[in-house]
Amino acid sequence: WQEMIEGADLTVDFHSLQAEKPLIFNWHKASVAMAGCFGARAIYHMTASDEFDQGNLGYQAGTQGGQAFCVEFSRQHEYRDEYALGRQGIHNVMAALGMTTRDIVLEHPTYEVLTSTPTEATATGHIRYLKNEYDPVSEGEPIFQILSLESFDVLQQGVAAHDGILGRRTPNPIAQVGESVLSVLKVRLVERAGHHPHKG
């Protein structure tokens, strides 16, 4: 801790998660702008009540005068094709800290999640998604269907509860009644996609 974390300007913790696309967990408001430079599209605010709670590294590092966040890559233990995102993300935050003169390059906009509204299954069956994670949606727009296990008839059509973007999907291929299938997020834009001059 004293050699690597204490006194660091920024701590980036890498993990993997049962998610379709990478996201960021963040504990301190002061870290949101820096997290937005990394390139994962959604930044979720987390809480930790004490040093022994979950998210200890991100929580504690952010209380030592620096900034900290946790990047959760998708599909636990797979990482898929996300090496490029991680490498570019490190380049981006180094530029934001003034450590390099590279531009900050973002393939997608990044958002701070303000609220997350789950859409629950009212039937048991196969899930067919009609949108991708982080796609924009309008209130009432269809976002998934649940199909009968026997006939593939549509048993439920899930719709967006409000305007926003789509959040995390359930990792389960078959929905159970009462399970959260897909969430709709209200968000604040942190960074737009494109090339941005380094911030240092």
Protein backbone atom coordinates (compact mmCIF):
# COMPACT_ATOMS: atom_id res chain seq x y z
CA TRP A 1 0.00 0.00 0.00
CA GLN A 2 2.67 2.54 1.00
CA GLU A 3 4.83 1.84 -2.06
CA MET A 4 2.17 1.75 -4.77
CA ILE A 5 -1.06 3.40 -3.63
CA GLU A 6 -0.32 5.99 -0.99
CA GLY A 7 0.50 9.29 -2.67
CA ALA A 8 -0.57 8.14 -6.17
CA ASP A 9 -2.39 10.75 -8.27
CA LEU A 10 -4.61 8.03 -9.73
CA THR A 11 -5.34 4.38 -8.92
CA VAL A 12 -7.04 2.25 -11.61
CA ASP A 13 -8.20 -1.17 -10.44
CA PHE A 14 -8.88 -3.78 -13.16
CA HIS A 15 -11.51 -6.50 -12.71
CA SER A 16 -13.91 -8.52 -14.83
CA LEU A 17 -17.66 -8.87 -14.45
CA GLN A 18 -20.63 -10.77 -15.85
CA ALA A 19 -21.53 -7.93 -18.21
CA GLU A 20 -21.89 -7.54 -21.96
CA LYS A 21 -19.69 -4.44 -22.14
CA PRO A 22 -17.10 -2.87 -19.84
CA LEU A 23 -18.16 -0.39 -17.19
CA ILE A 24 -16.60 1.56 -14.33
CA PHE A 25 -17.35 1.52 -10.61
CA ASN A 26 -16.48 4.79 -8.91
CA TRP A 27 -16.58 5.78 -5.22
CA HIS A 28 -15.71 9.49 -5.17
CA LYS A 29 -17.26 12.39 -7.09
CA ALA A 30 -13.80 13.87 -7.66
CA SER A 31 -12.90 10.86 -9.83
CA VAL A 32 -15.84 11.06 -12.27
CA ALA A 33 -14.14 13.31 -14.84
CA MET A 34 -11.02 11.13 -14.87
CA ALA A 35 -13.10 7.95 -15.12
CA GLY A 36 -14.91 9.51 -18.08
CA CYS A 37 -11.59 9.81 -19.91
CA PHE A 38 -10.90 6.08 -19.67
CA GLY A 39 -13.45 5.06 -22.29
CA ALA A 40 -15.83 2.57 -20.65
CA ARG A 41 -19.28 3.94 -21.44
CA ALA A 42 -21.01 3.84 -18.04
CA ILE A 43 -19.72 5.05 -14.66
CA TYR A 44 -21.68 3.63 -11.72
CA HIS A 45 -21.44 5.33 -8.33
CA MET A 46 -20.63 2.93 -5.50
CA THR A 47 -20.58 3.32 -1.74
CA ALA A 48 -18.39 1.74 0.91
CA SER A 49 -19.16 2.33 4.56
CA ASP A 50 -15.72 1.49 5.89
CA GLU A 51 -12.32 0.16 4.92
CA PHE A 52 -13.48 -3.46 5.17
CA ASP A 53 -16.42 -3.12 2.79
CA GLN A 54 -16.42 -4.17 -0.86
CA GLY A 55 -14.45 -1.97 -3.22
CA ASN A 56 -11.78 -1.37 -0.63
CA LEU A 57 -9.06 -0.33 -3.09
CA GLY A 58 -11.12 2.26 -4.97
CA TYR A 59 -12.71 3.56 -1.80
CA GLN A 60 -9.53 3.81 0.25
CA ALA A 61 -7.31 5.15 -2.55
CA GLY A 62 -9.80 7.95 -3.10
CA THR A 63 -9.62 8.97 0.54
CA GLN A 64 -5.83 9.40 0.44
CA GLY A 65 -5.91 12.60 -1.62
CA GLY A 66 -5.74 10.96 -5.04
CA GLN A 67 -8.34 9.73 -7.52
CA ALA A 68 -9.43 6.12 -8.02
CA PHE A 69 -11.89 3.97 -9.94
CA CYS A 70 -12.38 0.33 -10.93
CA VAL A 71 -12.69 -0.80 -14.56
CA GLU A 72 -14.85 -3.91 -14.88
CA PHE A 73 -14.18 -5.65 -18.17
CA SER A 74 -16.92 -7.85 -19.58
CA ARG A 75 -17.51 -11.57 -19.22
CA GLN A 76 -15.62 -12.71 -16.17
CA HIS A 77 -12.30 -14.39 -16.99
CA GLU A 78 -12.72 -13.89 -20.76
CA TYR A 79 -11.82 -10.24 -21.47
CA ARG A 80 -12.83 -10.86 -25.11
CA ASP A 81 -11.36 -8.22 -27.44
CA GLU A 82 -11.01 -5.48 -24.83
CA TYR A 83 -7.21 -5.27 -24.61
CA ALA A 84 -7.27 -2.28 -26.97
CA LEU A 85 -9.81 -0.47 -24.76
CA GLY A 86 -7.67 -1.01 -21.67
CA ARG A 87 -4.50 0.16 -23.40
CA GLN A 88 -6.18 3.26 -24.85
CA GLY A 89 -7.80 3.95 -21.48
CA ILE A 90 -4.39 4.03 -19.78
CA HIS A 91 -3.07 6.36 -22.49
CA ASN A 92 -6.13 8.58 -21.97
CA VAL A 93 -5.81 8.94 -18.21
CA MET A 94 -2.06 9.53 -18.51
CA ALA A 95 -2.83 12.37 -20.92
CA ALA A 96 -5.50 13.70 -18.56
CA LEU A 97 -2.92 13.76 -15.77
CA GLY A 98 -0.41 15.62 -17.96
CA MET A 99 1.99 12.66 -18.04
CA THR A 100 1.98 12.59 -21.88
CA THR A 101 1.00 14.95 -24.68
CA ARG A 102 -1.23 12.43 -26.46
CA ASP A 103 -4.81 13.32 -27.29
CA ILE A 104 -7.58 11.63 -25.31
CA VAL A 105 -9.32 9.30 -27.78
CA LEU A 106 -12.83 8.03 -27.04
CA GLU A 107 -14.60 5.65 -29.41
CA HIS A 108 -17.90 6.18 -27.55
CA PRO A 109 -19.36 8.84 -25.26
CA THR A 110 -19.02 8.17 -21.53
CA TYR A 111 -21.84 8.66 -19.02
CA GLU A 112 -22.27 9.00 -15.28
CA VAL A 113 -25.22 6.85 -14.18
CA LEU A 114 -27.71 8.85 -12.11
CA THR A 115 -30.46 6.23 -11.70
CA SER A 116 -31.04 2.66 -12.86
CA THR A 117 -34.56 1.30 -13.39
CA PRO A 118 -34.80 -2.50 -13.75
CA THR A 119 -37.35 -4.11 -16.06
CA GLU A 120 -38.54 -7.40 -14.56
CA ALA A 121 -39.66 -10.58 -16.27
CA THR A 122 -43.34 -11.46 -15.99
CA ALA A 123 -42.84 -14.84 -17.71
CA THR A 124 -40.26 -17.62 -17.88
CA GLY A 125 -38.55 -18.11 -21.24
CA HIS A 126 -35.73 -17.33 -23.62
CA ILE A 127 -34.65 -13.67 -23.72
CA ARG A 128 -34.38 -11.91 -27.06
CA TYR A 129 -32.79 -8.47 -26.80
CA LEU A 130 -33.94 -5.80 -29.23
CA LYS A 131 -31.24 -3.27 -28.30
CA ASN A 132 -27.61 -3.31 -27.19
CA GLU A 133 -26.27 -2.11 -23.86
CA TYR A 134 -25.84 1.69 -23.78
CA ASP A 135 -28.07 2.27 -26.81
CA PRO A 136 -30.34 5.32 -26.36
CA VAL A 137 -34.03 4.51 -25.82
CA SER A 138 -37.30 6.40 -25.47
CA GLU A 139 -40.04 5.76 -22.93
CA GLY A 140 -42.28 2.89 -24.10
CA GLU A 141 -39.80 1.63 -26.71
CA PRO A 142 -39.53 -2.18 -26.90
CA ILE A 143 -36.17 -3.36 -25.52
CA PHE A 144 -36.54 -7.16 -25.12
CA GLN A 145 -38.90 -10.08 -25.57
CA ILE A 146 -39.34 -13.26 -23.54
CA LEU A 147 -40.15 -16.26 -25.73
CA SER A 148 -41.87 -19.49 -24.73
CA LEU A 149 -39.48 -22.38 -24.09
CA GLU A 150 -41.76 -24.72 -26.07
CA SER A 151 -43.15 -22.66 -28.96
CA PHE A 152 -41.06 -19.46 -29.11
CA ASP A 153 -44.28 -17.45 -28.89
CA VAL A 154 -43.73 -14.00 -27.39
CA LEU A 155 -44.86 -14.12 -23.74
CA GLN A 156 -43.67 -10.64 -22.77
CA GLN A 157 -42.41 -7.56 -24.54
CA GLY A 158 -40.34 -5.42 -22.20
CA VAL A 159 -40.38 -1.68 -22.80
CA ALA A 160 -38.25 1.21 -21.57
CA ALA A 161 -39.66 2.76 -18.41
CA HIS A 162 -38.33 6.19 -19.39
CA ASP A 163 -35.97 7.97 -21.77
CA GLY A 164 -32.30 7.13 -21.27
CA ILE A 165 -29.77 4.51 -22.28
CA LEU A 166 -29.81 0.78 -21.69
CA GLY A 167 -27.82 -0.61 -18.77
CA ARG A 168 -26.70 -4.07 -17.78
CA ARG A 169 -28.43 -7.25 -18.92
CA THR A 170 -28.94 -10.32 -16.80
CA PRO A 171 -26.16 -12.85 -17.49
CA ASN A 172 -28.78 -15.63 -17.60
CA PRO A 173 -30.05 -16.81 -21.01
CA ILE A 174 -33.47 -17.82 -19.62
CA ALA A 175 -35.52 -15.33 -17.61
CA GLN A 176 -37.37 -16.27 -14.46
CA VAL A 177 -40.50 -14.42 -13.24
CA GLY A 178 -39.50 -11.43 -11.12
CA GLU A 179 -35.90 -11.36 -12.38
CA SER A 180 -34.43 -8.07 -13.58
CA VAL A 181 -33.77 -8.63 -17.29
CA LEU A 182 -32.47 -5.24 -18.38
CA SER A 183 -32.17 -1.80 -16.78
CA VAL A 184 -32.79 1.65 -18.21
CA LEU A 185 -30.40 4.34 -17.03
CA LYS A 186 -30.79 8.06 -16.55
CA VAL A 187 -27.36 9.49 -17.19
CA ARG A 188 -25.22 12.60 -17.39
CA LEU A 189 -22.81 12.96 -20.31
CA VAL A 190 -19.22 13.12 -19.02
CA GLU A 191 -17.22 13.05 -22.28
CA ARG A 192 -18.23 13.04 -25.93
CA ALA A 193 -16.78 10.57 -28.41
CA GLY A 194 -13.83 11.76 -30.47
CA HIS A 195 -10.34 13.19 -30.04
CA HIS A 196 -9.80 15.61 -27.16
CA PRO A 197 -6.62 17.58 -26.40
CA HIS A 198 -4.73 16.28 -23.38
CA LYS A 199 -5.81 17.99 -20.20
CA GLY A 200 -2.52 18.29 -18.36
